[in-house]
N, C-alpha and C. Protein backbone atom coordinates (compact mmCIF):
# COMPACT_ATOMS: atom_id res chain seq x y z
N UNK A 1 120.16 96.97 120.55
CA UNK A 1 118.77 97.31 120.36
C UNK A 1 118.12 96.23 119.50
N UNK A 2 117.18 95.50 120.08
CA UNK A 2 116.53 94.43 119.34
C UNK A 2 115.43 94.98 118.45
N UNK A 3 115.25 94.34 117.33
CA UNK A 3 114.20 94.77 116.39
C UNK A 3 112.99 93.87 116.58
N UNK A 4 112.25 94.10 117.67
CA UNK A 4 111.07 93.31 117.98
C UNK A 4 109.96 94.26 118.37
N UNK A 5 108.77 94.03 117.83
CA UNK A 5 107.60 94.83 118.19
C UNK A 5 107.17 94.44 119.61
N UNK A 6 106.99 95.44 120.47
CA UNK A 6 106.61 95.17 121.86
C UNK A 6 105.16 94.72 122.00
N UNK A 7 104.31 95.03 121.03
CA UNK A 7 102.90 94.62 121.11
C UNK A 7 102.65 93.27 120.46
N UNK A 8 103.12 93.09 119.24
CA UNK A 8 102.78 91.88 118.49
C UNK A 8 103.87 90.82 118.54
N UNK A 9 105.10 91.19 118.92
CA UNK A 9 106.19 90.22 118.94
C UNK A 9 106.79 89.97 117.57
N UNK A 10 106.42 90.78 116.58
CA UNK A 10 106.97 90.62 115.23
C UNK A 10 108.47 90.89 115.26
N UNK A 11 109.25 90.03 114.58
CA UNK A 11 110.70 90.18 114.60
C UNK A 11 111.27 89.83 113.23
N UNK A 12 112.61 89.78 113.14
CA UNK A 12 113.26 89.47 111.88
C UNK A 12 112.85 88.09 111.39
N UNK A 13 112.71 87.96 110.06
CA UNK A 13 112.52 86.64 109.48
C UNK A 13 113.57 86.44 108.40
N UNK A 14 113.88 85.20 108.12
CA UNK A 14 114.98 84.87 107.24
C UNK A 14 114.50 84.07 106.05
N UNK A 15 115.24 84.16 104.96
CA UNK A 15 114.92 83.40 103.76
C UNK A 15 116.05 83.47 102.77
N UNK A 16 115.73 83.36 101.49
CA UNK A 16 116.73 83.35 100.43
C UNK A 16 116.33 84.31 99.32
N UNK A 17 117.34 84.93 98.71
CA UNK A 17 117.18 85.55 97.40
C UNK A 17 117.49 84.47 96.39
N UNK A 18 116.66 84.32 95.36
CA UNK A 18 116.92 83.31 94.35
C UNK A 18 117.10 83.98 93.00
N UNK A 19 118.09 83.52 92.26
CA UNK A 19 118.30 84.03 90.92
C UNK A 19 117.23 83.47 89.99
N UNK A 20 116.88 84.25 88.99
CA UNK A 20 115.92 83.81 87.99
C UNK A 20 116.67 82.99 86.95
N UNK A 21 116.79 81.72 87.20
CA UNK A 21 117.63 80.91 86.34
C UNK A 21 117.05 79.51 86.28
N UNK A 22 116.93 78.97 85.11
CA UNK A 22 116.31 77.65 84.98
C UNK A 22 117.33 76.53 84.90
N UNK A 23 118.37 76.66 84.12
CA UNK A 23 119.37 75.61 83.99
C UNK A 23 120.75 76.19 84.18
N UNK A 24 121.78 75.42 83.87
CA UNK A 24 123.14 75.90 84.07
C UNK A 24 123.46 77.05 83.13
N UNK A 25 122.88 77.03 81.93
CA UNK A 25 123.18 78.10 80.97
C UNK A 25 122.17 79.23 81.08
N UNK A 26 121.13 79.07 81.88
CA UNK A 26 120.14 80.11 82.06
C UNK A 26 119.03 80.08 81.03
N UNK A 27 119.09 79.17 80.07
CA UNK A 27 118.08 79.15 79.01
C UNK A 27 117.31 77.85 78.98
N UNK A 28 116.74 77.43 80.07
CA UNK A 28 115.98 76.19 80.09
C UNK A 28 116.87 75.01 80.44
N UNK A 29 116.46 73.86 80.04
CA UNK A 29 117.26 72.67 80.33
C UNK A 29 116.73 71.96 81.55
N UNK A 30 117.49 70.99 82.00
CA UNK A 30 117.05 70.17 83.13
C UNK A 30 117.21 70.92 84.44
N UNK A 31 116.51 70.45 85.45
CA UNK A 31 116.55 71.07 86.78
C UNK A 31 117.70 70.53 87.62
N UNK A 32 118.65 69.88 86.99
CA UNK A 32 119.77 69.33 87.73
C UNK A 32 120.65 70.44 88.28
N UNK A 33 120.68 71.60 87.59
CA UNK A 33 121.45 72.75 88.05
C UNK A 33 120.47 73.75 88.65
N UNK A 34 120.39 73.81 89.95
CA UNK A 34 119.41 74.68 90.61
C UNK A 34 119.90 76.12 90.65
N UNK A 35 118.97 77.04 90.78
CA UNK A 35 119.31 78.46 90.86
C UNK A 35 120.04 78.74 92.16
N UNK A 36 120.93 79.73 92.11
CA UNK A 36 121.72 80.07 93.30
C UNK A 36 120.85 80.78 94.33
N UNK A 37 121.15 80.54 95.60
CA UNK A 37 120.44 81.19 96.70
C UNK A 37 121.44 81.96 97.55
N UNK A 38 121.07 83.15 97.97
CA UNK A 38 121.86 83.89 98.94
C UNK A 38 120.95 84.22 100.11
N UNK A 39 121.50 84.20 101.30
CA UNK A 39 120.70 84.46 102.50
C UNK A 39 120.29 85.92 102.55
N UNK A 40 119.10 86.16 103.09
CA UNK A 40 118.65 87.53 103.31
C UNK A 40 117.73 87.54 104.52
N UNK A 41 117.40 88.75 104.97
CA UNK A 41 116.50 88.87 106.12
C UNK A 41 115.51 90.00 105.88
N UNK A 42 114.34 89.84 106.44
CA UNK A 42 113.31 90.87 106.41
C UNK A 42 113.19 91.41 107.83
N UNK A 43 113.25 92.73 107.98
CA UNK A 43 113.12 93.33 109.30
C UNK A 43 111.81 94.09 109.37
N UNK A 44 111.14 94.08 110.53
CA UNK A 44 109.87 94.80 110.64
C UNK A 44 110.08 96.31 110.62
N UNK A 45 109.06 97.01 110.16
CA UNK A 45 109.09 98.47 110.10
C UNK A 45 108.66 98.99 111.47
N UNK A 46 109.63 99.31 112.33
CA UNK A 46 109.35 99.71 113.71
C UNK A 46 109.37 101.22 113.88
N UNK A 47 108.66 101.67 114.90
CA UNK A 47 108.57 103.09 115.21
C UNK A 47 108.41 103.22 116.72
N UNK A 48 109.07 104.23 117.31
CA UNK A 48 108.90 104.47 118.74
C UNK A 48 107.64 105.30 118.94
N UNK A 49 106.79 104.85 119.87
CA UNK A 49 105.48 105.47 120.08
C UNK A 49 105.25 105.64 121.57
N UNK A 50 104.66 106.78 121.94
CA UNK A 50 104.27 106.99 123.34
C UNK A 50 102.87 106.43 123.53
N UNK A 51 102.73 105.55 124.52
CA UNK A 51 101.44 104.92 124.79
C UNK A 51 101.12 105.02 126.28
N UNK A 52 99.86 104.75 126.58
CA UNK A 52 99.42 104.66 127.97
C UNK A 52 99.03 103.21 128.21
N UNK A 53 99.72 102.57 129.16
CA UNK A 53 99.43 101.18 129.49
C UNK A 53 99.11 101.09 130.98
N UNK A 54 97.89 100.72 131.29
CA UNK A 54 97.42 100.61 132.68
C UNK A 54 97.63 101.92 133.43
N UNK A 55 97.39 103.06 132.76
CA UNK A 55 97.51 104.36 133.39
C UNK A 55 98.93 104.90 133.50
N UNK A 56 99.90 104.21 132.92
CA UNK A 56 101.30 104.63 132.98
C UNK A 56 101.77 104.99 131.57
N UNK A 57 102.39 106.16 131.42
CA UNK A 57 102.94 106.57 130.13
C UNK A 57 104.25 105.83 129.87
N UNK A 58 104.40 105.28 128.66
CA UNK A 58 105.59 104.55 128.27
C UNK A 58 105.93 104.88 126.83
N UNK A 59 107.19 104.66 126.45
CA UNK A 59 107.60 104.70 125.06
C UNK A 59 108.00 103.29 124.67
N UNK A 60 107.35 102.76 123.64
CA UNK A 60 107.63 101.39 123.20
C UNK A 60 107.87 101.38 121.70
N UNK A 61 108.49 100.29 121.22
CA UNK A 61 108.68 100.10 119.79
C UNK A 61 107.53 99.27 119.25
N UNK A 62 106.90 99.79 118.19
CA UNK A 62 105.70 99.17 117.65
C UNK A 62 105.86 99.05 116.14
N UNK A 63 105.41 97.94 115.57
CA UNK A 63 105.41 97.80 114.12
C UNK A 63 104.36 98.74 113.53
N UNK A 64 104.55 99.14 112.29
CA UNK A 64 103.62 100.08 111.66
C UNK A 64 102.22 99.49 111.56
N UNK A 65 102.12 98.19 111.38
CA UNK A 65 100.80 97.56 111.31
C UNK A 65 100.07 97.71 112.64
N UNK A 66 100.77 97.47 113.75
CA UNK A 66 100.17 97.63 115.08
C UNK A 66 99.86 99.10 115.36
N UNK A 67 100.72 100.01 114.89
CA UNK A 67 100.49 101.44 115.09
C UNK A 67 99.23 101.89 114.38
N UNK A 68 99.04 101.43 113.14
CA UNK A 68 97.84 101.81 112.39
C UNK A 68 96.59 101.26 113.06
N UNK A 69 96.70 100.06 113.64
CA UNK A 69 95.56 99.49 114.36
C UNK A 69 95.24 100.33 115.59
N UNK A 70 96.26 100.73 116.34
CA UNK A 70 96.05 101.60 117.50
C UNK A 70 95.41 102.92 117.09
N UNK A 71 95.89 103.47 116.00
CA UNK A 71 95.43 104.78 115.55
C UNK A 71 94.00 104.73 115.03
N UNK A 72 93.66 103.72 114.25
CA UNK A 72 92.37 103.68 113.58
C UNK A 72 91.27 102.95 114.36
N UNK A 73 91.62 101.88 115.04
CA UNK A 73 90.60 101.05 115.70
C UNK A 73 90.58 101.18 117.21
N UNK A 74 91.58 101.86 117.80
CA UNK A 74 91.58 102.04 119.24
C UNK A 74 92.53 101.11 119.94
N UNK A 75 92.35 100.95 121.25
CA UNK A 75 93.32 100.21 122.07
C UNK A 75 93.46 98.74 121.68
N UNK A 76 94.68 98.23 121.89
CA UNK A 76 94.95 96.80 121.78
C UNK A 76 95.19 96.32 123.20
N UNK A 77 94.27 95.55 123.73
CA UNK A 77 94.37 95.12 125.13
C UNK A 77 94.26 96.33 126.04
N UNK A 78 95.26 96.54 126.88
CA UNK A 78 95.25 97.69 127.81
C UNK A 78 96.15 98.82 127.33
N UNK A 79 96.58 98.75 126.04
CA UNK A 79 97.49 99.75 125.50
C UNK A 79 96.75 100.66 124.54
N UNK A 80 96.89 101.98 124.75
CA UNK A 80 96.32 102.94 123.82
C UNK A 80 97.33 104.06 123.59
N UNK A 81 97.17 104.76 122.46
CA UNK A 81 98.09 105.86 122.14
C UNK A 81 97.92 107.00 123.14
N UNK A 82 99.04 107.61 123.51
CA UNK A 82 98.98 108.76 124.41
C UNK A 82 98.52 109.97 123.61
N UNK A 83 97.62 110.76 124.18
CA UNK A 83 97.17 111.96 123.50
C UNK A 83 98.24 113.04 123.62
N UNK A 84 98.48 113.72 122.52
CA UNK A 84 99.56 114.72 122.51
C UNK A 84 98.98 116.09 122.75
């Protein structure tokens, strides 16, 4: 199961966790000893939603940002929330 928003294409992004450390001893000093980095990832907040696309009912995965836009501002392109 992929973690990708079907409307916006939002997906995982990658980066680093960095320690709060200035020098080798942690108390200032030169920048010759850089802070440690560990890999991390950010995943989108997805939700399964029933929508109507071109007159066809579907269930798609949508990010919460796209869901709020559908709910508050109306259709995105030809996709709108299905009435319950």
